[in-house]
Amino acid sequence: MQLNLDILQGYKTYIAAVGLLALGVYQLTGGDLPTGIHSILAGLAAFGLRSALARPTAPPATPSK
C-alpha cells in the first residue's frame, strides 16, 4: 500500500516545525532545559528555512550600457 502525500505539498516543513516546537515545550515542562531549548530553536530554524525557500528569487540584474 502506497500513501499519496501530494496533499501535504508545501506543508511538510511547517508540520515538522510545529512538531519540534511542541516537543521542545514538552521537554521544558518535563525539566529537560537544554534539550527543550534545542528543540525549540530547531523548530524556529525550520520555519526560517521554509520562508527562505518560499521567497522568490530576483532575476539577475543586467549591466546597463
Protein backbone atom coordinates (compact mmCIF):
# COMPACT_ATOMS: atom_id res chain seq x y z
CA MET A 1 0.00 0.00 0.00
CA GLN A 2 1.45 3.34 -1.03
CA LEU A 3 0.49 6.61 0.64
CA ASN A 4 -0.22 9.61 -1.55
CA LEU A 5 1.35 12.59 0.23
CA ASP A 6 0.78 15.11 -2.56
CA ILE A 7 -1.86 16.77 -0.38
CA LEU A 8 0.93 17.82 2.02
CA GLN A 9 2.93 19.57 -0.70
CA GLY A 10 4.30 22.78 0.81
CA TYR A 11 3.16 21.98 4.35
CA LYS A 12 5.59 19.25 5.42
CA THR A 13 8.19 21.69 6.75
CA TYR A 14 5.54 23.61 8.68
CA ILE A 15 4.25 20.38 10.23
CA ALA A 16 7.78 19.38 11.24
CA ALA A 17 8.46 22.85 12.69
CA VAL A 18 5.27 22.79 14.78
CA GLY A 19 6.16 19.28 15.94
CA LEU A 20 9.61 20.40 17.04
CA LEU A 21 8.16 23.39 18.89
CA ALA A 22 5.65 21.15 20.67
CA LEU A 23 8.39 18.66 21.54
CA GLY A 24 10.51 21.46 22.95
CA VAL A 25 7.68 22.72 25.14
CA TYR A 26 7.05 19.17 26.34
CA GLN A 27 10.73 18.73 27.17
CA LEU A 28 10.82 22.06 29.01
CA THR A 29 7.80 21.14 31.12
CA GLY A 30 9.48 17.84 31.93
CA GLY A 31 12.53 19.68 33.28
CA ASP A 32 14.97 18.99 30.44
CA LEU A 33 16.03 22.58 29.79
CA PRO A 34 18.96 22.15 27.32
CA THR A 35 17.15 19.62 25.12
CA GLY A 36 13.91 21.64 25.19
CA ILE A 37 15.66 24.82 24.12
CA HIS A 38 17.47 22.90 21.38
CA SER A 39 14.21 21.51 20.02
CA ILE A 40 12.52 24.92 20.07
CA LEU A 41 15.44 26.51 18.24
CA ALA A 42 15.35 23.71 15.66
CA GLY A 43 11.64 24.37 15.12
CA LEU A 44 12.25 28.09 14.66
CA ALA A 45 15.05 27.30 12.22
CA ALA A 46 12.70 25.09 10.22
CA PHE A 47 10.21 27.98 9.97
CA GLY A 48 13.01 30.26 8.79
CA LEU A 49 14.23 27.73 6.27
CA ARG A 50 10.74 27.27 4.85
CA SER A 51 10.18 31.00 4.47
CA ALA A 52 13.56 31.38 2.79
CA LEU A 53 12.75 28.60 0.34
CA ALA A 54 9.32 30.08 -0.40
CA ARG A 55 10.72 33.53 -1.16
CA PRO A 56 11.01 34.10 -4.90
CA THR A 57 14.45 34.91 -6.15
CA ALA A 58 15.06 38.11 -8.05
CA PRO A 59 16.24 37.77 -11.63
CA PRO A 60 19.90 38.62 -12.14
CA ALA A 61 20.48 42.28 -12.91
CA THR A 62 21.73 43.05 -16.39
CA PRO A 63 24.52 45.58 -16.62
CA SER A 64 23.50 48.89 -18.13
CA LYS A 65 25.35 50.25 -21.13
